[in-house]
Amino acid sequence: MNDPIAIYNIGHNYYTGMNGLPQDHTKASELWHQAAELGYAKAFLNLGYFHEMRKGVKNNKEKATYYYELAAMMGDVYARYNLGVLEEPNSEVCNIDVTI
């Protein structure tokens, strides 16, 4: 019932195809949007990561940056880090891959 963490987790299960759910990236994205609208910063982080790293589809750095910025404004430190990596991808301080 409008529980952003539960909605986020179901989205993650669709993204990975775990816990009896089929792998469905579109459904995962929809659920993460819903969780994000309910104020869950990690959902914005996942949407940013989804647009930055998705496989089989053209990556979208602009959308990734947008979602990372929303998560960072909500206090998510991983999103702040990922924004730095996008801005300075060859920097020596950005040599760790932070994923969810």
C-alpha atoms as a PDB file:
ATOM      1  CA  MET A   1       0.000   0.000   0.000  1.00  0.00           C
ATOM      2  CA  ASN A   2       2.182   2.798  -1.315  1.00  0.00           C
ATOM      3  CA  ASP A   3       5.234   1.464   0.520  1.00  0.00           C
ATOM      4  CA  PRO A   4       8.156   2.842  -1.528  1.00  0.00           C
ATOM      5  CA  ILE A   5      10.662   0.289  -0.203  1.00  0.00           C
ATOM      6  CA  ALA A   6       8.377  -2.643  -1.019  1.00  0.00           C
ATOM      7  CA  ILE A   7       7.678  -1.242  -4.490  1.00  0.00           C
ATOM      8  CA  TYR A   8      11.407  -0.695  -5.028  1.00  0.00           C
ATOM      9  CA  ASN A   9      12.181  -4.275  -3.966  1.00  0.00           C
ATOM     10  CA  ILE A  10       9.582  -5.744  -6.305  1.00  0.00           C
ATOM     11  CA  GLY A  11      11.115  -3.639  -9.081  1.00  0.00           C
ATOM     12  CA  HIS A  12      14.531  -5.048  -8.224  1.00  0.00           C
ATOM     13  CA  ASN A  13      13.117  -8.576  -8.422  1.00  0.00           C
ATOM     14  CA  TYR A  14      11.756  -7.837 -11.886  1.00  0.00           C
ATOM     15  CA  TYR A  15      15.077  -6.327 -12.924  1.00  0.00           C
ATOM     16  CA  THR A  16      17.020  -9.417 -11.846  1.00  0.00           C
ATOM     17  CA  GLY A  17      14.329 -12.032 -12.495  1.00  0.00           C
ATOM     18  CA  MET A  18      14.512 -13.280  -8.924  1.00  0.00           C
ATOM     19  CA  ASN A  19      12.010 -14.608  -6.374  1.00  0.00           C
ATOM     20  CA  GLY A  20       9.729 -16.153  -8.966  1.00  0.00           C
ATOM     21  CA  LEU A  21       9.299 -13.045 -11.111  1.00  0.00           C
ATOM     22  CA  PRO A  22      10.305 -12.935 -14.771  1.00  0.00           C
ATOM     23  CA  GLN A  23      13.105 -10.617 -15.788  1.00  0.00           C
ATOM     24  CA  ASP A  24      11.345  -7.517 -17.077  1.00  0.00           C
ATOM     25  CA  HIS A  25      13.339  -4.285 -17.211  1.00  0.00           C
ATOM     26  CA  THR A  26      10.343  -2.237 -18.339  1.00  0.00           C
ATOM     27  CA  LYS A  27       8.293  -3.339 -15.325  1.00  0.00           C
ATOM     28  CA  ALA A  28      11.288  -2.699 -13.040  1.00  0.00           C
ATOM     29  CA  SER A  29      11.636   0.829 -14.399  1.00  0.00           C
ATOM     30  CA  GLU A  30       7.920   1.503 -13.879  1.00  0.00           C
ATOM     31  CA  LEU A  31       8.067   0.308 -10.278  1.00  0.00           C
ATOM     32  CA  TRP A  32      11.230   2.308  -9.538  1.00  0.00           C
ATOM     33  CA  HIS A  33       9.508   5.429 -10.908  1.00  0.00           C
ATOM     34  CA  GLN A  34       6.587   4.755  -8.585  1.00  0.00           C
ATOM     35  CA  ALA A  35       8.885   4.273  -5.568  1.00  0.00           C
ATOM     36  CA  ALA A  36      10.806   7.420  -6.488  1.00  0.00           C
ATOM     37  CA  GLU A  37       7.588   9.446  -6.686  1.00  0.00           C
ATOM     38  CA  LEU A  38       6.879   8.252  -3.139  1.00  0.00           C
ATOM     39  CA  GLY A  39      10.210   9.725  -2.030  1.00  0.00           C
ATOM     40  CA  TYR A  40      12.615   6.783  -2.085  1.00  0.00           C
ATOM     41  CA  ALA A  41      16.025   8.109  -3.197  1.00  0.00           C
ATOM     42  CA  LYS A  42      17.469   4.662  -3.943  1.00  0.00           C
ATOM     43  CA  ALA A  43      14.838   4.250  -6.659  1.00  0.00           C
ATOM     44  CA  PHE A  44      16.196   7.359  -8.402  1.00  0.00           C
ATOM     45  CA  LEU A  45      19.696   5.899  -7.985  1.00  0.00           C
ATOM     46  CA  ASN A  46      18.626   2.678  -9.696  1.00  0.00           C
ATOM     47  CA  LEU A  47      16.968   4.594 -12.513  1.00  0.00           C
ATOM     48  CA  GLY A  48      20.217   6.490 -13.050  1.00  0.00           C
ATOM     49  CA  TYR A  49      22.224   3.283 -13.046  1.00  0.00           C
ATOM     50  CA  PHE A  50      19.677   1.665 -15.374  1.00  0.00           C
ATOM     51  CA  HIS A  51      20.103   4.451 -17.937  1.00  0.00           C
ATOM     52  CA  GLU A  52      23.873   4.550 -17.559  1.00  0.00           C
ATOM     53  CA  MET A  53      24.628   0.836 -17.765  1.00  0.00           C
ATOM     54  CA  ARG A  54      21.704  -0.974 -19.361  1.00  0.00           C
ATOM     55  CA  LYS A  55      22.684  -3.754 -21.658  1.00  0.00           C
ATOM     56  CA  GLY A  56      21.324  -4.246 -25.152  1.00  0.00           C
ATOM     57  CA  VAL A  57      19.963  -0.712 -25.298  1.00  0.00           C
ATOM     58  CA  LYS A  58      21.690   2.574 -26.013  1.00  0.00           C
ATOM     59  CA  ASN A  59      22.942   4.099 -22.785  1.00  0.00           C
ATOM     60  CA  ASN A  60      21.648   7.557 -21.977  1.00  0.00           C
ATOM     61  CA  LYS A  61      24.126   9.655 -19.988  1.00  0.00           C
ATOM     62  CA  GLU A  62      21.746  12.623 -19.808  1.00  0.00           C
ATOM     63  CA  LYS A  63      18.957  10.577 -18.233  1.00  0.00           C
ATOM     64  CA  ALA A  64      21.434   8.866 -15.914  1.00  0.00           C
ATOM     65  CA  THR A  65      22.722  12.259 -14.763  1.00  0.00           C
ATOM     66  CA  TYR A  66      19.164  13.511 -14.239  1.00  0.00           C
ATOM     67  CA  TYR A  67      18.201  10.596 -12.001  1.00  0.00           C
ATOM     68  CA  TYR A  68      21.504  10.652 -10.117  1.00  0.00           C
ATOM     69  CA  GLU A  69      20.978  14.359  -9.436  1.00  0.00           C
ATOM     70  CA  LEU A  70      17.496  13.698  -8.048  1.00  0.00           C
ATOM     71  CA  ALA A  71      18.837  10.954  -5.777  1.00  0.00           C
ATOM     72  CA  ALA A  72      21.785  13.119  -4.697  1.00  0.00           C
ATOM     73  CA  MET A  73      19.461  16.000  -3.802  1.00  0.00           C
ATOM     74  CA  MET A  74      17.663  13.536  -1.526  1.00  0.00           C
ATOM     75  CA  GLY A  75      20.966  12.723   0.181  1.00  0.00           C
ATOM     76  CA  ASP A  76      22.034   9.530  -1.580  1.00  0.00           C
ATOM     77  CA  VAL A  77      25.843   9.345  -1.365  1.00  0.00           C
ATOM     78  CA  TYR A  78      26.166   6.696  -4.093  1.00  0.00           C
ATOM     79  CA  ALA A  79      24.371   8.989  -6.516  1.00  0.00           C
ATOM     80  CA  ARG A  80      26.778  11.810  -5.628  1.00  0.00           C
ATOM     81  CA  TYR A  81      29.696   9.463  -6.301  1.00  0.00           C
ATOM     82  CA  ASN A  82      28.236   8.292  -9.611  1.00  0.00           C
ATOM     83  CA  LEU A  83      27.775  11.917 -10.709  1.00  0.00           C
ATOM     84  CA  GLY A  84      31.464  12.466 -10.065  1.00  0.00           C
ATOM     85  CA  VAL A  85      32.355   9.405 -12.109  1.00  0.00           C
ATOM     86  CA  LEU A  86      30.211  10.630 -15.003  1.00  0.00           C
ATOM     87  CA  GLU A  87      31.884  14.045 -14.876  1.00  0.00           C
ATOM     88  CA  GLU A  88      35.458  12.736 -14.524  1.00  0.00           C
ATOM     89  CA  PRO A  89      35.472   9.168 -15.878  1.00  0.00           C
ATOM     90  CA  ASN A  90      39.276   8.984 -16.242  1.00  0.00           C
ATOM     91  CA  SER A  91      40.120  10.448 -12.861  1.00  0.00           C
ATOM     92  CA  GLU A  92      42.382   8.378 -10.622  1.00  0.00           C
ATOM     93  CA  VAL A  93      39.964   8.827  -7.726  1.00  0.00           C
ATOM     94  CA  CYS A  94      37.149   7.277  -9.740  1.00  0.00           C
ATOM     95  CA  ASN A  95      38.576   3.810 -10.128  1.00  0.00           C
ATOM     96  CA  ILE A  96      35.936   1.954  -8.099  1.00  0.00           C
ATOM     97  CA  ASP A  97      32.666   0.789  -9.650  1.00  0.00           C
ATOM     98  CA  VAL A  98      29.830   1.497  -7.219  1.00  0.00           C
ATOM     99  CA  THR A  99      26.750  -0.426  -8.233  1.00  0.00           C
ATOM    100  CA  ILE A 100      23.621  -1.525  -6.510  1.00  0.00           C
END
